[in-house]
Amino acid sequence: MPWLKGKGKYPKDWDKIKARVMDRDNYRCVICGRIPDNFKKNYQASAYDNITTQHFRVHHKDLNKSNNELSNLMYVCQWCHGELHKELNNKKVK
């Protein structure tokens, strides 16, 4: 379920918490190491940019949106985030 600003169980200061996680993890997916194009060294914008910060998520390790301790949060790309949830769903089914 995507995050909708002002809805769900996220706190009012979620944007600040998210920014702290992004900064702590150096704007890099902690699983695969992918970074947004505009954070790459010597980056020059082009019409072919395709990986932006919109392709990244802050994931709650315990899946509890109310637990916003930094130790429970990690910065991941949307592809790794999808794999994390796929693995979690497979565990629930078994």
N, C-alpha and C. Protein backbone atom coordinates (compact mmCIF):
# COMPACT_ATOMS: atom_id res chain seq x y z
N MET A 1 0.85 -1.18 0.00
CA MET A 1 0.00 0.00 0.00
C MET A 1 0.89 1.24 0.00
N PRO A 2 0.76 2.11 -0.98
CA PRO A 2 1.60 3.30 -1.01
C PRO A 2 1.23 4.26 0.10
N TRP A 3 2.19 5.07 0.48
CA TRP A 3 1.98 6.05 1.54
C TRP A 3 1.24 7.24 0.97
N LEU A 4 0.17 7.62 1.61
CA LEU A 4 -0.59 8.80 1.21
C LEU A 4 -0.43 9.84 2.29
N LYS A 5 0.10 10.98 1.94
CA LYS A 5 0.38 12.03 2.92
C LYS A 5 -0.87 12.34 3.74
N GLY A 6 -0.71 12.31 5.05
CA GLY A 6 -1.81 12.64 5.94
C GLY A 6 -2.74 11.49 6.25
N LYS A 7 -2.48 10.32 5.69
CA LYS A 7 -3.35 9.17 5.95
C LYS A 7 -2.53 8.03 6.54
N GLY A 8 -3.20 7.07 7.08
CA GLY A 8 -2.51 5.94 7.66
C GLY A 8 -1.99 6.26 9.04
N LYS A 9 -1.02 5.46 9.48
CA LYS A 9 -0.52 5.58 10.84
C LYS A 9 0.81 6.32 10.91
N TYR A 10 1.20 6.98 9.83
CA TYR A 10 2.46 7.71 9.85
C TYR A 10 2.32 8.96 10.71
N PRO A 11 3.37 9.32 11.44
CA PRO A 11 3.31 10.52 12.27
C PRO A 11 3.39 11.79 11.42
N LYS A 12 3.03 12.90 12.04
CA LYS A 12 3.06 14.19 11.32
C LYS A 12 4.46 14.56 10.88
N ASP A 13 5.48 14.10 11.61
CA ASP A 13 6.85 14.44 11.25
C ASP A 13 7.52 13.36 10.39
N TRP A 14 6.72 12.57 9.67
CA TRP A 14 7.24 11.48 8.85
C TRP A 14 8.28 11.98 7.83
N ASP A 15 8.04 13.13 7.21
CA ASP A 15 8.99 13.64 6.22
C ASP A 15 10.37 13.87 6.85
N LYS A 16 10.41 14.33 8.09
CA LYS A 16 11.69 14.55 8.78
C LYS A 16 12.35 13.21 9.11
N ILE A 17 11.55 12.26 9.58
CA ILE A 17 12.08 10.93 9.91
C ILE A 17 12.64 10.28 8.65
N LYS A 18 11.87 10.35 7.58
CA LYS A 18 12.28 9.77 6.30
C LYS A 18 13.59 10.40 5.82
N ALA A 19 13.71 11.71 5.94
CA ALA A 19 14.93 12.41 5.52
C ALA A 19 16.13 11.95 6.34
N ARG A 20 15.93 11.70 7.63
CA ARG A 20 17.03 11.22 8.49
C ARG A 20 17.49 9.83 8.05
N VAL A 21 16.54 8.96 7.69
CA VAL A 21 16.88 7.62 7.24
C VAL A 21 17.62 7.69 5.90
N MET A 22 17.12 8.51 4.99
CA MET A 22 17.76 8.67 3.68
C MET A 22 19.19 9.16 3.85
N ASP A 23 19.39 10.14 4.72
CA ASP A 23 20.71 10.69 4.96
C ASP A 23 21.62 9.64 5.61
N ARG A 24 21.10 8.95 6.61
CA ARG A 24 21.89 7.92 7.31
C ARG A 24 22.36 6.84 6.35
N ASP A 25 21.48 6.44 5.43
CA ASP A 25 21.80 5.36 4.49
C ASP A 25 22.45 5.88 3.20
N ASN A 26 22.84 7.16 3.21
CA ASN A 26 23.54 7.78 2.08
C ASN A 26 22.76 7.69 0.77
N TYR A 27 21.44 7.79 0.87
CA TYR A 27 20.57 7.77 -0.31
C TYR A 27 20.84 6.54 -1.19
N ARG A 28 21.19 5.44 -0.55
CA ARG A 28 21.54 4.20 -1.23
C ARG A 28 20.69 3.06 -0.70
N CYS A 29 20.16 2.24 -1.58
CA CYS A 29 19.39 1.06 -1.16
C CYS A 29 20.31 0.19 -0.31
N VAL A 30 19.89 -0.11 0.91
CA VAL A 30 20.74 -0.89 1.81
C VAL A 30 20.83 -2.36 1.40
N ILE A 31 20.01 -2.78 0.45
CA ILE A 31 20.04 -4.17 0.00
C ILE A 31 20.92 -4.34 -1.24
N CYS A 32 20.63 -3.57 -2.30
CA CYS A 32 21.37 -3.76 -3.56
C CYS A 32 22.39 -2.66 -3.84
N GLY A 33 22.35 -1.56 -3.09
CA GLY A 33 23.31 -0.49 -3.29
C GLY A 33 22.93 0.53 -4.34
N ARG A 34 21.78 0.36 -4.96
CA ARG A 34 21.33 1.30 -5.99
C ARG A 34 21.14 2.69 -5.39
N ILE A 35 21.48 3.73 -6.17
CA ILE A 35 21.25 5.12 -5.74
C ILE A 35 20.50 5.86 -6.85
N PRO A 36 19.75 6.88 -6.48
CA PRO A 36 19.05 7.67 -7.51
C PRO A 36 20.07 8.34 -8.44
N ASP A 37 19.73 8.44 -9.72
CA ASP A 37 20.64 9.04 -10.70
C ASP A 37 21.14 10.41 -10.26
N ASN A 38 20.26 11.24 -9.70
CA ASN A 38 20.67 12.60 -9.35
C ASN A 38 21.54 12.67 -8.10
N PHE A 39 21.87 11.53 -7.47
CA PHE A 39 22.79 11.52 -6.34
C PHE A 39 24.13 10.92 -6.72
N LYS A 40 24.29 10.55 -8.00
CA LYS A 40 25.55 9.98 -8.45
C LYS A 40 26.59 11.07 -8.60
N LYS A 41 27.82 10.71 -8.35
CA LYS A 41 28.93 11.66 -8.46
C LYS A 41 29.03 12.15 -9.91
N ASN A 42 29.31 13.42 -10.08
CA ASN A 42 29.44 14.04 -11.40
C ASN A 42 28.18 13.90 -12.24
N TYR A 43 27.05 13.88 -11.57
CA TYR A 43 25.76 13.74 -12.25
C TYR A 43 25.46 14.94 -13.15
N GLN A 44 25.01 14.65 -14.36
CA GLN A 44 24.51 15.68 -15.26
C GLN A 44 23.16 15.21 -15.77
N ALA A 45 22.15 16.01 -15.54
CA ALA A 45 20.79 15.63 -15.92
C ALA A 45 20.70 15.35 -17.41
N SER A 46 19.89 14.36 -17.75
CA SER A 46 19.65 14.05 -19.16
C SER A 46 18.22 13.57 -19.32
N ALA A 47 17.80 13.46 -20.55
CA ALA A 47 16.44 12.99 -20.85
C ALA A 47 16.29 11.51 -20.52
N TYR A 48 17.39 10.83 -20.24
CA TYR A 48 17.34 9.39 -20.02
C TYR A 48 17.38 8.98 -18.55
N ASP A 49 17.30 9.97 -17.65
CA ASP A 49 17.25 9.64 -16.23
C ASP A 49 16.02 8.79 -15.96
N ASN A 50 16.22 7.71 -15.25
CA ASN A 50 15.06 6.86 -14.99
C ASN A 50 14.95 6.38 -13.55
N ILE A 51 15.97 6.57 -12.75
CA ILE A 51 15.88 6.16 -11.35
C ILE A 51 15.97 7.43 -10.49
N THR A 52 14.88 7.80 -9.87
CA THR A 52 14.85 9.01 -9.05
C THR A 52 14.53 8.63 -7.61
N THR A 53 14.52 9.61 -6.73
CA THR A 53 14.18 9.33 -5.34
C THR A 53 12.75 8.82 -5.21
N GLN A 54 11.92 9.05 -6.23
CA GLN A 54 10.55 8.52 -6.21
C GLN A 54 10.53 7.00 -6.31
N HIS A 55 11.64 6.40 -6.71
CA HIS A 55 11.74 4.95 -6.84
C HIS A 55 12.28 4.30 -5.56
N PHE A 56 12.33 5.06 -4.49
CA PHE A 56 12.87 4.55 -3.22
C PHE A 56 11.83 4.67 -2.12
N ARG A 57 11.97 3.81 -1.11
CA ARG A 57 11.03 3.77 0.01
C ARG A 57 11.79 3.67 1.32
N VAL A 58 11.15 4.09 2.40
CA VAL A 58 11.67 3.81 3.73
C VAL A 58 10.82 2.66 4.26
N HIS A 59 11.47 1.55 4.52
CA HIS A 59 10.80 0.31 4.92
C HIS A 59 10.86 0.12 6.43
N HIS A 60 9.72 -0.26 7.01
CA HIS A 60 9.64 -0.62 8.43
C HIS A 60 9.95 -2.11 8.55
N LYS A 61 11.06 -2.42 9.18
CA LYS A 61 11.48 -3.82 9.29
C LYS A 61 10.44 -4.69 9.98
N ASP A 62 9.77 -4.15 10.99
CA ASP A 62 8.77 -4.94 11.71
C ASP A 62 7.35 -4.74 11.16
N LEU A 63 7.25 -3.98 10.05
CA LEU A 63 5.97 -3.70 9.36
C LEU A 63 5.00 -2.88 10.19
N ASN A 64 5.45 -2.32 11.28
CA ASN A 64 4.61 -1.51 12.15
C ASN A 64 4.87 -0.03 11.84
N LYS A 65 3.93 0.62 11.16
CA LYS A 65 4.11 2.01 10.76
C LYS A 65 4.18 2.96 11.96
N SER A 66 3.81 2.49 13.12
CA SER A 66 3.89 3.31 14.33
C SER A 66 5.27 3.25 14.97
N ASN A 67 6.06 2.25 14.60
CA ASN A 67 7.41 2.10 15.15
C ASN A 67 8.40 2.81 14.23
N ASN A 68 8.67 4.07 14.52
CA ASN A 68 9.54 4.87 13.67
C ASN A 68 10.91 5.11 14.28
N GLU A 69 11.35 4.14 15.11
CA GLU A 69 12.72 4.18 15.61
C GLU A 69 13.65 4.00 14.40
N LEU A 70 14.73 4.76 14.38
CA LEU A 70 15.65 4.67 13.24
C LEU A 70 16.18 3.26 13.03
N SER A 71 16.34 2.51 14.10
CA SER A 71 16.83 1.13 13.98
C SER A 71 15.82 0.22 13.29
N ASN A 72 14.56 0.65 13.20
CA ASN A 72 13.52 -0.15 12.56
C ASN A 72 13.30 0.26 11.09
N LEU A 73 14.00 1.27 10.64
CA LEU A 73 13.77 1.81 9.30
C LEU A 73 14.99 1.63 8.41
N MET A 74 14.74 1.38 7.12
CA MET A 74 15.84 1.28 6.17
C MET A 74 15.40 1.81 4.81
N TYR A 75 16.34 2.39 4.10
CA TYR A 75 16.10 2.99 2.79
C TYR A 75 16.33 1.94 1.72
N VAL A 76 15.31 1.66 0.93
CA VAL A 76 15.42 0.63 -0.10
C VAL A 76 14.80 1.12 -1.41
N CYS A 77 15.29 0.57 -2.52
CA CYS A 77 14.69 0.90 -3.81
C CYS A 77 13.36 0.15 -3.93
N GLN A 78 12.52 0.61 -4.84
CA GLN A 78 11.20 -0.01 -4.96
C GLN A 78 11.28 -1.47 -5.36
N TRP A 79 12.33 -1.86 -6.08
CA TRP A 79 12.44 -3.25 -6.50
C TRP A 79 12.77 -4.16 -5.32
N CYS A 80 13.73 -3.75 -4.50
CA CYS A 80 14.05 -4.53 -3.30
C CYS A 80 12.90 -4.50 -2.30
N HIS A 81 12.21 -3.35 -2.21
CA HIS A 81 11.07 -3.24 -1.31
C HIS A 81 9.99 -4.24 -1.71
N GLY A 82 9.75 -4.36 -3.01
CA GLY A 82 8.77 -5.33 -3.50
C GLY A 82 9.18 -6.76 -3.15
N GLU A 83 10.46 -7.06 -3.29
CA GLU A 83 10.95 -8.40 -2.96
C GLU A 83 10.81 -8.69 -1.46
N LEU A 84 11.08 -7.67 -0.63
CA LEU A 84 10.91 -7.85 0.82
C LEU A 84 9.48 -8.25 1.15
N HIS A 85 8.52 -7.53 0.57
CA HIS A 85 7.13 -7.82 0.87
C HIS A 85 6.67 -9.13 0.24
N LYS A 86 7.23 -9.49 -0.90
CA LYS A 86 6.91 -10.77 -1.52
C LYS A 86 7.37 -11.91 -0.60
N GLU A 87 8.57 -11.78 -0.06
CA GLU A 87 9.09 -12.79 0.88
C GLU A 87 8.22 -12.88 2.12
N LEU A 88 7.82 -11.73 2.66
CA LEU A 88 6.97 -11.72 3.85
C LEU A 88 5.62 -12.36 3.57
N ASN A 89 5.04 -12.08 2.40
CA ASN A 89 3.76 -12.68 2.03
C ASN A 89 3.88 -14.18 1.85
N ASN A 90 5.00 -14.65 1.29
CA ASN A 90 5.20 -16.09 1.12
C ASN A 90 5.31 -16.79 2.47
N LYS A 91 5.92 -16.13 3.45
CA LYS A 91 6.03 -16.72 4.79
C LYS A 91 4.66 -16.84 5.46
N LYS A 92 3.79 -15.86 5.20
CA LYS A 92 2.45 -15.89 5.79
C LYS A 92 1.61 -17.01 5.20
N VAL A 93 1.80 -17.28 3.90
CA VAL A 93 1.00 -18.30 3.22
C VAL A 93 1.37 -19.69 3.70
N LYS A 94 2.62 -19.93 4.00
CA LYS A 94 3.10 -21.27 4.38
C LYS A 94 2.65 -21.67 5.75
